[in-house]
Amino acid sequence: MKPTSELLKESQEQLSQTELAIQDLEKMLGLMNKRFDELNGMVIGLGQVLTLEERKRDDDRKREEQRLRLEEEHLDKFEQNTRLD
């Protein structure tokens, strides 16, 4: 059996190593949280870009539909005018 002083010394060393390991884990967790925040910001930014692109695409589609409607109306009027002549 080991003497009490040796057991106490070993326990203190283990405690010290455990505390250092906890500190390392806290640092790693802090870095992971920072990286998560960065990635979260990127995802939010990408979401905003996608939303803007979707709006632009919708606006382009609406403009094209309006252009086609106007073109069709002009053709209809032209056909009516040519029939009347």
PDB file of N, CA and C in Angstrom:
ATOM      1  N   MET A   1       0.837  -1.180   0.000  1.00  0.00           N
ATOM      2  CA  MET A   1       0.000   0.000   0.000  1.00  0.00           C
ATOM      3  C   MET A   1       0.884   1.246   0.000  1.00  0.00           C
ATOM      4  N   LYS A   2       0.461   2.269  -0.751  1.00  0.00           N
ATOM      5  CA  LYS A   2       1.245   3.502  -0.860  1.00  0.00           C
ATOM      6  C   LYS A   2       0.996   4.378   0.353  1.00  0.00           C
ATOM      7  N   PRO A   3       2.008   5.143   0.702  1.00  0.00           N
ATOM      8  CA  PRO A   3       1.809   6.075   1.820  1.00  0.00           C
ATOM      9  C   PRO A   3       0.828   7.181   1.426  1.00  0.00           C
ATOM     10  N   THR A   4       0.199   7.741   2.428  1.00  0.00           N
ATOM     11  CA  THR A   4      -0.806   8.781   2.225  1.00  0.00           C
ATOM     12  C   THR A   4      -0.234   9.975   1.478  1.00  0.00           C
ATOM     13  N   SER A   5       0.982  10.360   1.788  1.00  0.00           N
ATOM     14  CA  SER A   5       1.587  11.529   1.133  1.00  0.00           C
ATOM     15  C   SER A   5       1.766  11.283  -0.362  1.00  0.00           C
ATOM     16  N   GLU A   6       2.129  10.058  -0.719  1.00  0.00           N
ATOM     17  CA  GLU A   6       2.296   9.730  -2.135  1.00  0.00           C
ATOM     18  C   GLU A   6       0.944   9.706  -2.841  1.00  0.00           C
ATOM     19  N   LEU A   7      -0.059   9.145  -2.195  1.00  0.00           N
ATOM     20  CA  LEU A   7      -1.412   9.139  -2.759  1.00  0.00           C
ATOM     21  C   LEU A   7      -1.938  10.558  -2.940  1.00  0.00           C
ATOM     22  N   LEU A   8      -1.658  11.407  -1.956  1.00  0.00           N
ATOM     23  CA  LEU A   8      -2.083  12.806  -2.034  1.00  0.00           C
ATOM     24  C   LEU A   8      -1.392  13.502  -3.196  1.00  0.00           C
ATOM     25  N   LYS A   9      -0.091  13.246  -3.356  1.00  0.00           N
ATOM     26  CA  LYS A   9       0.670  13.860  -4.445  1.00  0.00           C
ATOM     27  C   LYS A   9       0.116  13.401  -5.800  1.00  0.00           C
ATOM     28  N   GLU A  10      -0.158  12.108  -5.942  1.00  0.00           N
ATOM     29  CA  GLU A  10      -0.715  11.580  -7.190  1.00  0.00           C
ATOM     30  C   GLU A  10      -2.088  12.189  -7.476  1.00  0.00           C
ATOM     31  N   SER A  11      -2.888  12.304  -6.442  1.00  0.00           N
ATOM     32  CA  SER A  11      -4.217  12.905  -6.601  1.00  0.00           C
ATOM     33  C   SER A  11      -4.111  14.352  -7.045  1.00  0.00           C
ATOM     34  N   GLN A  12      -3.162  15.090  -6.480  1.00  0.00           N
ATOM     35  CA  GLN A  12      -2.970  16.493  -6.861  1.00  0.00           C
ATOM     36  C   GLN A  12      -2.499  16.598  -8.305  1.00  0.00           C
ATOM     37  N   GLU A  13      -1.615  15.677  -8.722  1.00  0.00           N
ATOM     38  CA  GLU A  13      -1.148  15.679 -10.112  1.00  0.00           C
ATOM     39  C   GLU A  13      -2.303  15.376 -11.071  1.00  0.00           C
ATOM     40  N   GLN A  14      -3.116  14.389 -10.701  1.00  0.00           N
ATOM     41  CA  GLN A  14      -4.273  14.054 -11.531  1.00  0.00           C
ATOM     42  C   GLN A  14      -5.256  15.217 -11.602  1.00  0.00           C
ATOM     43  N   LEU A  15      -5.455  15.873 -10.468  1.00  0.00           N
ATOM     44  CA  LEU A  15      -6.343  17.033 -10.436  1.00  0.00           C
ATOM     45  C   LEU A  15      -5.795  18.139 -11.322  1.00  0.00           C
ATOM     46  N   SER A  16      -4.487  18.368 -11.245  1.00  0.00           N
ATOM     47  CA  SER A  16      -3.854  19.397 -12.064  1.00  0.00           C
ATOM     48  C   SER A  16      -4.003  19.064 -13.552  1.00  0.00           C
ATOM     49  N   GLN A  17      -3.781  17.796 -13.911  1.00  0.00           N
ATOM     50  CA  GLN A  17      -3.930  17.380 -15.310  1.00  0.00           C
ATOM     51  C   GLN A  17      -5.385  17.516 -15.768  1.00  0.00           C
ATOM     52  N   THR A  18      -6.293  17.172 -14.878  1.00  0.00           N
ATOM     53  CA  THR A  18      -7.713  17.301 -15.201  1.00  0.00           C
ATOM     54  C   THR A  18      -8.084  18.761 -15.418  1.00  0.00           C
ATOM     55  N   GLU A  19      -7.572  19.645 -14.565  1.00  0.00           N
ATOM     56  CA  GLU A  19      -7.852  21.080 -14.714  1.00  0.00           C
ATOM     57  C   GLU A  19      -7.291  21.605 -16.024  1.00  0.00           C
ATOM     58  N   LEU A  20      -6.069  21.160 -16.388  1.00  0.00           N
ATOM     59  CA  LEU A  20      -5.482  21.580 -17.666  1.00  0.00           C
ATOM     60  C   LEU A  20      -6.313  21.057 -18.845  1.00  0.00           C
ATOM     61  N   ALA A  21      -6.774  19.827 -18.729  1.00  0.00           N
ATOM     62  CA  ALA A  21      -7.609  19.259 -19.793  1.00  0.00           C
ATOM     63  C   ALA A  21      -8.912  20.040 -19.918  1.00  0.00           C
ATOM     64  N   ILE A  22      -9.496  20.419 -18.792  1.00  0.00           N
ATOM     65  CA  ILE A  22     -10.730  21.217 -18.810  1.00  0.00           C
ATOM     66  C   ILE A  22     -10.474  22.567 -19.464  1.00  0.00           C
ATOM     67  N   GLN A  23      -9.345  23.198 -19.134  1.00  0.00           N
ATOM     68  CA  GLN A  23      -9.006  24.491 -19.746  1.00  0.00           C
ATOM     69  C   GLN A  23      -8.853  24.345 -21.262  1.00  0.00           C
ATOM     70  N   ASP A  24      -8.174  23.263 -21.683  1.00  0.00           N
ATOM     71  CA  ASP A  24      -8.019  23.022 -23.125  1.00  0.00           C
ATOM     72  C   ASP A  24      -9.381  22.832 -23.798  1.00  0.00           C
ATOM     73  N   LEU A  25     -10.246  22.068 -23.140  1.00  0.00           N
ATOM     74  CA  LEU A  25     -11.587  21.855 -23.692  1.00  0.00           C
ATOM     75  C   LEU A  25     -12.374  23.159 -23.764  1.00  0.00           C
ATOM     76  N   GLU A  26     -12.230  24.007 -22.753  1.00  0.00           N
ATOM     77  CA  GLU A  26     -12.919  25.304 -22.769  1.00  0.00           C
ATOM     78  C   GLU A  26     -12.413  26.169 -23.911  1.00  0.00           C
ATOM     79  N   LYS A  27     -11.085  26.138 -24.157  1.00  0.00           N
ATOM     80  CA  LYS A  27     -10.526  26.897 -25.282  1.00  0.00           C
ATOM     81  C   LYS A  27     -11.077  26.365 -26.606  1.00  0.00           C
ATOM     82  N   MET A  28     -11.088  25.032 -26.738  1.00  0.00           N
ATOM     83  CA  MET A  28     -11.607  24.429 -27.968  1.00  0.00           C
ATOM     84  C   MET A  28     -13.078  24.763 -28.154  1.00  0.00           C
ATOM     85  N   LEU A  29     -13.835  24.725 -27.081  1.00  0.00           N
ATOM     86  CA  LEU A  29     -15.255  25.069 -27.160  1.00  0.00           C
ATOM     87  C   LEU A  29     -15.431  26.528 -27.581  1.00  0.00           C
ATOM     88  N   GLY A  30     -14.597  27.407 -27.027  1.00  0.00           N
ATOM     89  CA  GLY A  30     -14.652  28.818 -27.416  1.00  0.00           C
ATOM     90  C   GLY A  30     -14.367  29.000 -28.897  1.00  0.00           C
ATOM     91  N   LEU A  31     -13.348  28.286 -29.397  1.00  0.00           N
ATOM     92  CA  LEU A  31     -13.022  28.366 -30.825  1.00  0.00           C
ATOM     93  C   LEU A  31     -14.146  27.789 -31.683  1.00  0.00           C
ATOM     94  N   MET A  32     -14.735  26.698 -31.212  1.00  0.00           N
ATOM     95  CA  MET A  32     -15.850  26.104 -31.954  1.00  0.00           C
ATOM     96  C   MET A  32     -17.045  27.049 -31.986  1.00  0.00           C
ATOM     97  N   ASN A  33     -17.320  27.704 -30.871  1.00  0.00           N
ATOM     98  CA  ASN A  33     -18.423  28.670 -30.834  1.00  0.00           C
ATOM     99  C   ASN A  33     -18.165  29.830 -31.784  1.00  0.00           C
ATOM    100  N   LYS A  34     -16.907  30.292 -31.807  1.00  0.00           N
ATOM    101  CA  LYS A  34     -16.549  31.390 -32.710  1.00  0.00           C
ATOM    102  C   LYS A  34     -16.750  30.957 -34.162  1.00  0.00           C
ATOM    103  N   ARG A  35     -16.283  29.769 -34.483  1.00  0.00           N
ATOM    104  CA  ARG A  35     -16.429  29.257 -35.847  1.00  0.00           C
ATOM    105  C   ARG A  35     -17.906  29.064 -36.197  1.00  0.00           C
ATOM    106  N   PHE A  36     -18.667  28.563 -35.237  1.00  0.00           N
ATOM    107  CA  PHE A  36     -20.105  28.393 -35.460  1.00  0.00           C
ATOM    108  C   PHE A  36     -20.752  29.740 -35.767  1.00  0.00           C
ATOM    109  N   ASP A  37     -20.388  30.768 -35.005  1.00  0.00           N
ATOM    110  CA  ASP A  37     -20.942  32.101 -35.253  1.00  0.00           C
ATOM    111  C   ASP A  37     -20.583  32.588 -36.654  1.00  0.00           C
ATOM    112  N   GLU A  38     -19.321  32.330 -37.066  1.00  0.00           N
ATOM    113  CA  GLU A  38     -18.904  32.733 -38.412  1.00  0.00           C
ATOM    114  C   GLU A  38     -19.720  31.997 -39.474  1.00  0.00           C
ATOM    115  N   LEU A  39     -19.856  30.691 -39.290  1.00  0.00           N
ATOM    116  CA  LEU A  39     -20.625  29.897 -40.256  1.00  0.00           C
ATOM    117  C   LEU A  39     -22.089  30.312 -40.273  1.00  0.00           C
ATOM    118  N   ASN A  40     -22.626  30.592 -39.103  1.00  0.00           N
ATOM    119  CA  ASN A  40     -24.012  31.044 -39.014  1.00  0.00           C
ATOM    120  C   ASN A  40     -24.187  32.356 -39.780  1.00  0.00           C
ATOM    121  N   GLY A  41     -23.225  33.256 -39.627  1.00  0.00           N
ATOM    122  CA  GLY A  41     -23.267  34.514 -40.373  1.00  0.00           C
ATOM    123  C   GLY A  41     -23.223  34.283 -41.873  1.00  0.00           C
ATOM    124  N   MET A  42     -22.395  33.315 -42.285  1.00  0.00           N
ATOM    125  CA  MET A  42     -22.318  32.997 -43.713  1.00  0.00           C
ATOM    126  C   MET A  42     -23.645  32.445 -44.223  1.00  0.00           C
ATOM    127  N   VAL A  43     -24.247  31.569 -43.450  1.00  0.00           N
ATOM    128  CA  VAL A  43     -25.529  30.979 -43.854  1.00  0.00           C
ATOM    129  C   VAL A  43     -26.599  32.063 -43.963  1.00  0.00           C
ATOM    130  N   ILE A  44     -26.619  32.977 -43.002  1.00  0.00           N
ATOM    131  CA  ILE A  44     -27.581  34.084 -43.050  1.00  0.00           C
ATOM    132  C   ILE A  44     -27.332  34.926 -44.298  1.00  0.00           C
ATOM    133  N   GLY A  45     -26.051  35.223 -44.565  1.00  0.00           N
ATOM    134  CA  GLY A  45     -25.706  35.996 -45.756  1.00  0.00           C
ATOM    135  C   GLY A  45     -26.128  35.293 -47.035  1.00  0.00           C
ATOM    136  N   LEU A  46     -25.884  33.985 -47.100  1.00  0.00           N
ATOM    137  CA  LEU A  46     -26.299  33.224 -48.281  1.00  0.00           C
ATOM    138  C   LEU A  46     -27.811  33.225 -48.433  1.00  0.00           C
ATOM    139  N   GLY A  47     -28.509  33.128 -47.315  1.00  0.00           N
ATOM    140  CA  GLY A  47     -29.972  33.183 -47.362  1.00  0.00           C
ATOM    141  C   GLY A  47     -30.462  34.503 -47.920  1.00  0.00           C
ATOM    142  N   GLN A  48     -29.807  35.585 -47.512  1.00  0.00           N
ATOM    143  CA  GLN A  48     -30.196  36.903 -48.017  1.00  0.00           C
ATOM    144  C   GLN A  48     -29.915  37.008 -49.511  1.00  0.00           C
ATOM    145  N   VAL A  49     -28.763  36.493 -49.938  1.00  0.00           N
ATOM    146  CA  VAL A  49     -28.424  36.526 -51.363  1.00  0.00           C
ATOM    147  C   VAL A  49     -29.432  35.709 -52.162  1.00  0.00           C
ATOM    148  N   LEU A  50     -29.764  34.527 -51.652  1.00  0.00           N
ATOM    149  CA  LEU A  50     -30.744  33.690 -52.355  1.00  0.00           C
ATOM    150  C   LEU A  50     -32.103  34.370 -52.437  1.00  0.00           C
ATOM    151  N   THR A  51     -32.503  35.040 -51.377  1.00  0.00           N
ATOM    152  CA  THR A  51     -33.776  35.758 -51.382  1.00  0.00           C
ATOM    153  C   THR A  51     -33.759  36.864 -52.427  1.00  0.00           C
ATOM    154  N   LEU A  52     -32.665  37.616 -52.480  1.00  0.00           N
ATOM    155  CA  LEU A  52     -32.556  38.683 -53.479  1.00  0.00           C
ATOM    156  C   LEU A  52     -32.575  38.116 -54.896  1.00  0.00           C
ATOM    157  N   GLU A  53     -31.861  37.012 -55.105  1.00  0.00           N
ATOM    158  CA  GLU A  53     -31.854  36.384 -56.429  1.00  0.00           C
ATOM    159  C   GLU A  53     -33.245  35.887 -56.810  1.00  0.00           C
ATOM    160  N   GLU A  54     -33.944  35.327 -55.840  1.00  0.00           N
ATOM    161  CA  GLU A  54     -35.301  34.844 -56.107  1.00  0.00           C
ATOM    162  C   GLU A  54     -36.225  36.000 -56.465  1.00  0.00           C
ATOM    163  N   ARG A  55     -36.108  37.103 -55.744  1.00  0.00           N
ATOM    164  CA  ARG A  55     -36.927  38.285 -56.068  1.00  0.00           C
ATOM    165  C   ARG A  55     -36.605  38.793 -57.460  1.00  0.00           C
ATOM    166  N   LYS A  56     -35.295  38.843 -57.766  1.00  0.00           N
ATOM    167  CA  LYS A  56     -34.875  39.315 -59.087  1.00  0.00           C
ATOM    168  C   LYS A  56     -35.445  38.409 -60.172  1.00  0.00           C
ATOM    169  N   ARG A  57     -35.361  37.105 -59.957  1.00  0.00           N
ATOM    170  CA  ARG A  57     -35.890  36.151 -60.924  1.00  0.00           C
ATOM    171  C   ARG A  57     -37.394  36.332 -61.089  1.00  0.00           C
ATOM    172  N   ASP A  58     -38.095  36.524 -59.967  1.00  0.00           N
ATOM    173  CA  ASP A  58     -39.544  36.753 -60.037  1.00  0.00           C
ATOM    174  C   ASP A  58     -39.855  38.041 -60.790  1.00  0.00           C
ATOM    175  N   ASP A  59     -39.085  39.099 -60.497  1.00  0.00           N
ATOM    176  CA  ASP A  59     -39.289  40.368 -61.201  1.00  0.00           C
ATOM    177  C   ASP A  59     -39.026  40.206 -62.694  1.00  0.00           C
ATOM    178  N   ASP A  60     -37.949  39.495 -63.034  1.00  0.00           N
ATOM    179  CA  ASP A  60     -37.637  39.255 -64.447  1.00  0.00           C
ATOM    180  C   ASP A  60     -38.762  38.476 -65.120  1.00  0.00           C
ATOM    181  N   ARG A  61     -39.269  37.455 -64.427  1.00  0.00           N
ATOM    182  CA  ARG A  61     -40.357  36.642 -64.982  1.00  0.00           C
ATOM    183  C   ARG A  61     -41.608  37.495 -65.188  1.00  0.00           C
ATOM    184  N   LYS A  62     -41.927  38.337 -64.198  1.00  0.00           N
ATOM    185  CA  LYS A  62     -43.113  39.201 -64.315  1.00  0.00           C
ATOM    186  C   LYS A  62     -42.951  40.187 -65.464  1.00  0.00           C
ATOM    187  N   ARG A  63     -41.749  40.755 -65.605  1.00  0.00           N
ATOM    188  CA  ARG A  63     -41.504  41.684 -66.710  1.00  0.00           C
ATOM    189  C   ARG A  63     -41.656  40.980 -68.059  1.00  0.00           C
ATOM    190  N   GLU A  64     -41.128  39.765 -68.134  1.00  0.00           N
ATOM    191  CA  GLU A  64     -41.240  39.012 -69.380  1.00  0.00           C
ATOM    192  C   GLU A  64     -42.703  38.686 -69.684  1.00  0.00           C
ATOM    193  N   GLU A  65     -43.460  38.291 -68.661  1.00  0.00           N
ATOM    194  CA  GLU A  65     -44.888  38.015 -68.856  1.00  0.00           C
ATOM    195  C   GLU A  65     -45.618  39.268 -69.316  1.00  0.00           C
ATOM    196  N   GLN A  66     -45.291  40.403 -68.721  1.00  0.00           N
ATOM    197  CA  GLN A  66     -45.930  41.658 -69.105  1.00  0.00           C
ATOM    198  C   GLN A  66     -45.556  42.023 -70.542  1.00  0.00           C
ATOM    199  N   ARG A  67     -44.287  41.827 -70.888  1.00  0.00           N
ATOM    200  CA  ARG A  67     -43.839  42.126 -72.248  1.00  0.00           C
ATOM    201  C   ARG A  67     -44.581  41.249 -73.254  1.00  0.00           C
ATOM    202  N   LEU A  68     -44.726  39.975 -72.926  1.00  0.00           N
ATOM    203  CA  LEU A  68     -45.440  39.063 -73.829  1.00  0.00           C
ATOM    204  C   LEU A  68     -46.912  39.434 -73.953  1.00  0.00           C
ATOM    205  N   ARG A  69     -47.525  39.843 -72.833  1.00  0.00           N
ATOM    206  CA  ARG A  69     -48.928  40.272 -72.881  1.00  0.00           C
ATOM    207  C   ARG A  69     -49.086  41.494 -73.777  1.00  0.00           C
ATOM    208  N   LEU A  70     -48.204  42.471 -73.589  1.00  0.00           N
ATOM    209  CA  LEU A  70     -48.276  43.684 -74.414  1.00  0.00           C
ATOM    210  C   LEU A  70     -48.049  43.360 -75.883  1.00  0.00           C
ATOM    211  N   GLU A  71     -47.099  42.495 -76.131  1.00  0.00           N
ATOM    212  CA  GLU A  71     -46.828  42.092 -77.506  1.00  0.00           C
ATOM    213  C   GLU A  71     -48.056  41.412 -78.114  1.00  0.00           C
ATOM    214  N   GLU A  72     -48.677  40.555 -77.326  1.00  0.00           N
ATOM    215  CA  GLU A  72     -49.884  39.866 -77.793  1.00  0.00           C
ATOM    216  C   GLU A  72     -51.020  40.855 -78.038  1.00  0.00           C
ATOM    217  N   GLU A  73     -51.178  41.838 -77.145  1.00  0.00           N
ATOM    218  CA  GLU A  73     -52.215  42.863 -77.323  1.00  0.00           C
ATOM    219  C   GLU A  73     -51.970  43.657 -78.599  1.00  0.00           C
ATOM    220  N   HIS A  74     -50.711  44.011 -78.836  1.00  0.00           N
ATOM    221  CA  HIS A  74     -50.389  44.764 -80.053  1.00  0.00           C
ATOM    222  C   HIS A  74     -50.673  43.931 -81.298  1.00  0.00           C
ATOM    223  N   LEU A  75     -50.343  42.654 -81.233  1.00  0.00           N
ATOM    224  CA  LEU A  75     -50.639  41.784 -82.376  1.00  0.00           C
ATOM    225  C   LEU A  75     -52.140  41.662 -82.600  1.00  0.00           C
ATOM    226  N   ASP A  76     -52.889  41.527 -81.500  1.00  0.00           N
ATOM    227  CA  ASP A  76     -54.353  41.446 -81.620  1.00  0.00           C
ATOM    228  C   ASP A  76     -54.906  42.720 -82.250  1.00  0.00           C
ATOM    229  N   LYS A  77     -54.432  43.873 -81.793  1.00  0.00           N
ATOM    230  CA  LYS A  77     -54.894  45.149 -82.352  1.00  0.00           C
ATOM    231  C   LYS A  77     -54.512  45.257 -83.819  1.00  0.00           C
ATOM    232  N   PHE A  78     -53.293  44.823 -84.130  1.00  0.00           N
ATOM    233  CA  PHE A  78     -52.843  44.872 -85.515  1.00  0.00           C
ATOM    234  C   PHE A  78     -53.728  43.991 -86.396  1.00  0.00           C
ATOM    235  N   GLU A  79     -54.030  42.785 -85.902  1.00  0.00           N
ATOM    236  CA  GLU A  79     -54.899  41.876 -86.661  1.00  0.00           C
ATOM    237  C   GLU A  79     -56.292  42.467 -86.828  1.00  0.00           C
ATOM    238  N   GLN A  80     -56.812  43.095 -85.786  1.00  0.00           N
ATOM    239  CA  GLN A  80     -58.134  43.726 -85.884  1.00  0.00           C
ATOM    240  C   GLN A  80     -58.104  44.859 -86.897  1.00  0.00           C
ATOM    241  N   ASN A  81     -57.063  45.659 -86.852  1.00  0.00           N
ATOM    242  CA  ASN A  81     -56.947  46.782 -87.790  1.00  0.00           C
ATOM    243  C   ASN A  81     -56.803  46.295 -89.227  1.00  0.00           C
ATOM    244  N   THR A  82     -56.067  45.220 -89.415  1.00  0.00           N
ATOM    245  CA  THR A  82     -55.900  44.721 -90.785  1.00  0.00           C
ATOM    246  C   THR A  82     -57.192  44.100 -91.298  1.00  0.00           C
ATOM    247  N   ARG A  83     -58.006  43.539 -90.417  1.00  0.00           N
ATOM    248  CA  ARG A  83     -59.305  42.991 -90.822  1.00  0.00           C
ATOM    249  C   ARG A  83     -60.266  44.116 -91.198  1.00  0.00           C
ATOM    250  N   LEU A  84     -60.185  45.212 -90.462  1.00  0.00           N
ATOM    251  CA  LEU A  84     -61.071  46.343 -90.730  1.00  0.00           C
ATOM    252  C   LEU A  84     -60.715  47.034 -92.038  1.00  0.00           C
ATOM    253  N   ASP A  85     -59.472  46.947 -92.404  1.00  0.00           N
ATOM    254  CA  ASP A  85     -59.037  47.623 -93.639  1.00  0.00           C
ATOM    255  C   ASP A  85     -59.448  46.836 -94.801  1.00  0.00           C
TER     256      ASP A  85
END
